[in-house]
Amino acid sequence: MNQNINEVKIVDFKRYSSIHIGGIKEVLVINELGDYKDYQIIGRGNNLLISPNCEKRFAILGDSFDYIKEENELLYVGCATSSGKLLTYARKNNIADLEFLAKLPGNLGGLVKMNAGLKSWEIFNYIHSIKTKDEYILKKDLDFSYRHTNIDSIIYEAIFNIKRGFSKEKQDEFVRMRDNQPQMASAGSCFKNPKGDFAGRLIEAVGLKGYRVGDMEFSSTHANFLVNHQNGTFDDAIYLINLAKVKVKKEFNIELETEIIIFE
């Protein structure tokens, strides 16, 4: 691995984050293993809502952690590798079970950290182990659940079991499923689906589908997507999130839990 020295770059989160909200901040680019407990890894900013006033220290993994290699029927993937790059590799090398990455944005580290996926397909279904700064940890020794992992340290590498037989049909099906989602600036699904129900259905049922405050809106295409029409603000986004929580709790006695990660 090419161990380039760490560097700092200036990031405008209004441009960098997928929801197009946030201020201008210094971000550490990590290119070597180490202890960065004072930093929050943010990947490509696809599921983040960051206040312009947030004082947290942010970091991303650099090019040293952007790689894919096969060894002993295992696939080793650096956590700065994009989902698109990994999907392309799987397709070219006839590797099955990663088709669900189609049109799922982000770097591998973020996808693993939130156990990302679509409906019943999630990345931990196929993971063998992960690498932290100190060790490799087998999946059976990790605490993970739907859209959640309890991993405190930075994940530098994910290792997958290799099964041959990439399915173009599966990939096309995932593309179709995601084409039903809004194609506007958003942070992806706003809330996790409650057990046995769908957050989008609940938001629509309490009358918030298409509900807009300023430039922020619960999308009229899919109610569980909080979209930014152009100049949406952090405060307007938080207002809508809290409004949905209150209304769904009152109507259905269900506590909505955000899938978006919020830094205030």
Protein backbone atom coordinates (compact mmCIF):
# COMPACT_ATOMS: atom_id res chain seq x y z
CA MET A 1 0.00 0.00 0.00
CA ASN A 2 1.32 3.43 -0.89
CA GLN A 3 1.56 5.26 2.41
CA ASN A 4 1.25 8.91 1.43
CA ILE A 5 1.50 11.46 4.19
CA ASN A 6 -1.78 12.75 5.60
CA GLU A 7 -2.94 16.15 4.37
CA VAL A 8 -5.65 18.71 5.07
CA LYS A 9 -8.03 20.05 2.45
CA ILE A 10 -10.78 22.67 2.50
CA VAL A 11 -14.27 21.27 1.84
CA ASP A 12 -17.45 23.25 1.10
CA PHE A 13 -20.17 20.95 2.42
CA LYS A 14 -22.87 22.79 0.50
CA ARG A 15 -21.21 21.33 -2.61
CA TYR A 16 -19.67 18.16 -1.13
CA SER A 17 -22.58 16.63 0.79
CA SER A 18 -25.34 14.96 -1.20
CA ILE A 19 -28.02 17.07 0.51
CA HIS A 20 -26.11 20.30 -0.35
CA ILE A 21 -26.14 21.75 3.17
CA GLY A 22 -23.21 22.78 5.37
CA GLY A 23 -20.37 25.23 5.79
CA ILE A 24 -16.73 25.36 4.69
CA LYS A 25 -14.42 23.28 6.89
CA GLU A 26 -10.95 21.78 7.02
CA VAL A 27 -10.98 18.01 6.47
CA LEU A 28 -8.10 15.65 7.24
CA VAL A 29 -7.23 13.22 4.43
CA ILE A 30 -5.96 10.00 6.04
CA ASN A 31 -3.43 7.95 4.06
CA GLU A 32 -1.91 5.83 6.81
CA LEU A 33 -3.19 3.65 9.63
CA GLY A 34 -3.38 5.42 12.94
CA ASP A 35 -5.43 6.57 15.90
CA TYR A 36 -7.75 9.36 14.80
CA LYS A 37 -10.25 9.17 17.65
CA ASP A 38 -10.73 12.96 17.61
CA TYR A 39 -12.01 12.85 14.03
CA GLN A 40 -15.31 11.84 12.44
CA ILE A 41 -14.96 9.95 9.13
CA ILE A 42 -17.43 11.28 6.57
CA GLY A 43 -16.71 9.38 3.34
CA ARG A 44 -18.44 11.00 0.37
CA GLY A 45 -21.04 12.79 2.51
CA ASN A 46 -23.99 10.83 1.13
CA ASN A 47 -26.04 10.33 4.30
CA LEU A 48 -24.97 13.36 6.31
CA LEU A 49 -26.74 16.50 7.47
CA ILE A 50 -24.12 18.88 8.87
CA SER A 51 -24.83 22.21 10.52
CA PRO A 52 -22.75 25.13 9.19
CA ASN A 53 -21.98 25.81 12.88
CA CYS A 54 -20.74 22.28 13.63
CA GLU A 55 -17.30 22.32 15.25
CA LYS A 56 -16.58 18.60 14.95
CA ARG A 57 -13.30 17.62 13.25
CA PHE A 58 -13.90 15.66 10.05
CA ALA A 59 -11.71 13.29 8.06
CA ILE A 60 -11.85 11.14 4.94
CA LEU A 61 -9.78 8.17 3.85
CA GLY A 62 -7.36 9.00 1.03
CA ASP A 63 -6.14 7.14 -2.05
CA SER A 64 -4.02 4.71 0.00
CA PHE A 65 -7.30 3.01 0.94
CA ASP A 66 -8.77 2.91 -2.57
CA TYR A 67 -8.00 -0.61 -3.82
CA ILE A 68 -9.50 -4.02 -4.61
CA LYS A 69 -7.57 -7.31 -4.52
CA GLU A 70 -8.37 -11.02 -4.46
CA GLU A 71 -6.53 -13.54 -2.33
CA ASN A 72 -7.48 -17.08 -1.23
CA GLU A 73 -11.06 -16.70 -2.48
CA LEU A 74 -11.53 -13.54 -0.43
CA LEU A 75 -12.00 -10.01 -1.77
CA TYR A 76 -10.05 -7.28 0.07
CA VAL A 77 -11.43 -3.78 -0.51
CA GLY A 78 -10.05 -0.53 0.87
CA CYS A 79 -12.69 1.61 2.50
CA ALA A 80 -12.04 4.65 0.30
CA THR A 81 -13.19 2.56 -2.66
CA SER A 82 -16.46 3.78 -4.19
CA SER A 83 -19.50 1.54 -4.49
CA GLY A 84 -19.46 2.06 -8.25
CA LYS A 85 -15.85 0.91 -8.58
CA LEU A 86 -16.56 -2.22 -6.53
CA LEU A 87 -19.69 -3.01 -8.57
CA THR A 88 -17.73 -2.65 -11.82
CA TYR A 89 -15.03 -4.98 -10.47
CA ALA A 90 -17.63 -7.55 -9.42
CA ARG A 91 -19.24 -7.44 -12.85
CA LYS A 92 -15.94 -7.77 -14.74
CA ASN A 93 -14.72 -10.61 -12.52
CA ASN A 94 -18.03 -12.50 -12.30
CA ILE A 95 -18.46 -12.04 -8.53
CA ALA A 96 -21.98 -12.57 -7.19
CA ASP A 97 -23.97 -10.87 -4.42
CA LEU A 98 -22.74 -7.29 -4.86
CA GLU A 99 -25.33 -6.39 -7.49
CA PHE A 100 -27.29 -4.42 -4.85
CA LEU A 101 -24.56 -1.75 -5.00
CA ALA A 102 -26.08 -0.51 -8.28
CA LYS A 103 -26.90 3.21 -7.86
CA LEU A 104 -26.09 3.02 -4.13
CA PRO A 105 -23.77 6.02 -3.64
CA GLY A 106 -20.88 6.21 -1.22
CA ASN A 107 -17.51 4.78 -0.27
CA LEU A 108 -17.20 1.31 1.17
CA GLY A 109 -16.34 2.54 4.68
CA GLY A 110 -19.62 4.42 5.01
CA LEU A 111 -21.62 1.56 3.49
CA VAL A 112 -20.14 -0.89 6.00
CA LYS A 113 -20.51 1.50 8.94
CA MET A 114 -24.27 1.88 8.35
CA ASN A 115 -24.80 -1.66 6.99
CA ALA A 116 -26.20 -0.08 3.85
CA GLY A 117 -28.41 -1.81 1.33
CA LEU A 118 -31.88 -1.93 -0.11
CA LYS A 119 -34.77 -3.62 1.70
CA SER A 120 -33.55 -7.11 2.76
CA TRP A 121 -30.23 -6.83 0.90
CA GLU A 122 -27.50 -5.39 3.08
CA ILE A 123 -23.75 -5.34 2.91
CA PHE A 124 -23.17 -7.43 6.05
CA ASN A 125 -24.87 -10.39 4.35
CA TYR A 126 -21.66 -10.83 2.36
CA ILE A 127 -18.87 -9.55 4.59
CA HIS A 128 -16.26 -11.95 5.94
CA SER A 129 -14.37 -9.51 8.21
CA ILE A 130 -13.16 -5.94 8.58
CA LYS A 131 -9.78 -4.38 9.33
CA THR A 132 -9.21 -1.69 11.95
CA LYS A 133 -5.88 -0.05 12.79
CA ASP A 134 -5.05 -2.92 15.15
CA GLU A 135 -6.58 -6.12 13.75
CA TYR A 136 -8.91 -8.03 11.49
CA ILE A 137 -12.28 -8.74 13.10
CA LEU A 138 -14.51 -11.56 11.86
CA LYS A 139 -18.16 -10.80 11.12
CA LYS A 140 -19.32 -13.15 13.90
CA ASP A 141 -17.49 -10.95 16.43
CA LEU A 142 -19.12 -7.71 15.23
CA ASP A 143 -22.31 -6.12 16.54
CA PHE A 144 -24.49 -5.19 13.55
CA SER A 145 -28.17 -4.95 12.71
CA TYR A 146 -30.49 -3.28 10.20
CA ARG A 147 -28.78 -0.07 9.00
CA HIS A 148 -26.50 -0.07 12.04
CA THR A 149 -23.14 -1.28 13.30
CA ASN A 150 -21.55 -0.79 16.69
CA ILE A 151 -17.99 -0.25 15.47
CA ASP A 152 -16.17 2.58 17.24
CA SER A 153 -12.88 2.54 15.36
CA ILE A 154 -12.19 3.52 11.75
CA ILE A 155 -12.79 0.71 9.25
CA TYR A 156 -9.88 0.70 6.81
CA GLU A 157 -10.69 -2.43 4.81
CA ALA A 158 -13.63 -4.78 4.27
CA ILE A 159 -13.16 -8.41 3.28
CA PHE A 160 -15.87 -10.28 1.37
CA ASN A 161 -16.48 -13.95 0.70
CA ILE A 162 -16.20 -14.55 -3.03
CA LYS A 163 -19.01 -16.37 -4.79
CA ARG A 164 -18.97 -16.53 -8.58
CA GLY A 165 -21.90 -15.70 -10.83
CA PHE A 166 -22.62 -11.98 -11.26
CA SER A 167 -26.27 -11.45 -12.27
CA LYS A 168 -26.97 -8.66 -14.76
CA GLU A 169 -30.70 -9.28 -14.15
CA LYS A 170 -30.29 -8.59 -10.41
CA GLN A 171 -28.28 -5.46 -11.11
CA ASP A 172 -30.96 -4.18 -13.49
CA GLU A 173 -33.64 -4.88 -10.89
CA PHE A 174 -31.79 -2.84 -8.26
CA VAL A 175 -31.39 0.00 -10.75
CA ARG A 176 -35.15 -0.05 -11.41
CA MET A 177 -35.92 -0.03 -7.68
CA ARG A 178 -33.69 2.99 -7.13
CA ASP A 179 -35.03 4.81 -10.17
CA ASN A 180 -38.27 5.12 -8.19
CA GLN A 181 -36.42 7.34 -5.72
CA PRO A 182 -36.08 11.14 -6.10
CA GLN A 183 -33.22 12.25 -8.34
CA MET A 184 -32.70 15.50 -6.40
CA ALA A 185 -30.23 16.57 -3.73
CA SER A 186 -30.94 14.51 -0.61
CA ALA A 187 -29.16 12.41 2.01
CA GLY A 188 -30.95 9.23 0.93
CA SER A 189 -33.58 7.68 3.16
CA CYS A 190 -34.35 10.09 5.97
CA PHE A 191 -35.66 7.52 8.48
CA LYS A 192 -35.05 3.83 9.05
CA ASN A 193 -38.04 1.63 8.31
CA PRO A 194 -39.73 0.61 11.58
CA LYS A 195 -40.12 -3.13 12.03
CA GLY A 196 -42.98 -4.38 9.86
CA ASP A 197 -43.67 -0.99 8.28
CA PHE A 198 -42.22 1.66 5.99
CA ALA A 199 -41.18 5.16 7.02
CA GLY A 200 -42.38 6.56 3.70
CA ARG A 201 -45.87 5.14 4.25
CA LEU A 202 -46.06 6.63 7.73
CA ILE A 203 -44.88 10.07 6.59
CA GLU A 204 -47.42 10.04 3.77
CA ALA A 205 -50.17 8.88 6.13
CA VAL A 206 -49.68 11.91 8.40
CA GLY A 207 -49.91 14.26 5.42
CA LEU A 208 -46.26 15.19 4.99
CA LYS A 209 -45.56 13.75 1.53
CA GLY A 210 -44.74 16.80 -0.60
CA TYR A 211 -44.75 19.04 2.50
CA ARG A 212 -42.23 21.85 2.06
CA VAL A 213 -40.59 24.42 4.31
CA GLY A 214 -38.37 26.86 2.46
CA ASP A 215 -36.42 24.78 -0.06
CA MET A 216 -36.62 21.55 1.97
CA GLU A 217 -39.36 19.03 1.26
CA PHE A 218 -40.46 15.48 2.01
CA SER A 219 -40.40 14.42 -1.62
CA SER A 220 -43.66 14.00 -3.51
CA THR A 221 -41.91 11.10 -5.32
CA HIS A 222 -41.00 9.17 -2.14
CA ALA A 223 -42.00 10.61 1.23
CA ASN A 224 -38.97 9.20 3.10
CA PHE A 225 -36.58 11.34 1.07
CA LEU A 226 -35.90 14.81 2.45
CA VAL A 227 -34.91 16.76 -0.66
CA ASN A 228 -33.26 20.13 -1.17
CA HIS A 229 -34.71 22.18 -4.02
CA GLN A 230 -31.64 24.44 -4.05
CA ASN A 231 -31.12 26.67 -1.05
CA GLY A 232 -32.45 24.48 1.76
CA THR A 233 -31.05 25.16 5.22
CA PHE A 234 -30.01 22.96 8.12
CA ASP A 235 -32.70 24.53 10.33
CA ASP A 236 -35.47 23.82 7.82
CA ALA A 237 -34.29 20.22 7.44
CA ILE A 238 -34.28 19.71 11.23
CA TYR A 239 -37.73 21.28 11.51
CA LEU A 240 -39.17 18.80 9.00
CA ILE A 241 -37.43 15.83 10.61
CA ASN A 242 -38.80 16.74 14.04
CA LEU A 243 -42.26 17.43 12.61
CA ALA A 244 -42.40 13.96 11.05
CA LYS A 245 -41.28 12.36 14.31
CA VAL A 246 -43.98 14.17 16.32
CA LYS A 247 -46.80 13.48 13.86
CA VAL A 248 -45.96 9.78 13.40
CA LYS A 249 -45.60 9.30 17.15
CA LYS A 250 -48.96 10.96 17.77
CA GLU A 251 -50.81 9.10 15.00
CA PHE A 252 -49.22 5.64 15.20
CA ASN A 253 -47.25 5.61 18.49
CA ILE A 254 -44.13 4.76 16.46
CA GLU A 255 -40.78 6.41 17.17
CA LEU A 256 -39.12 7.21 13.85
CA GLU A 257 -35.35 6.82 13.96
CA THR A 258 -33.23 8.83 11.54
CA GLU A 259 -31.12 7.02 8.99
CA ILE A 260 -29.52 10.36 8.10
CA ILE A 261 -26.55 11.10 10.38
CA ILE A 262 -26.88 14.58 11.88
CA PHE A 263 -24.01 16.74 13.17
CA GLU A 264 -25.22 19.92 14.86
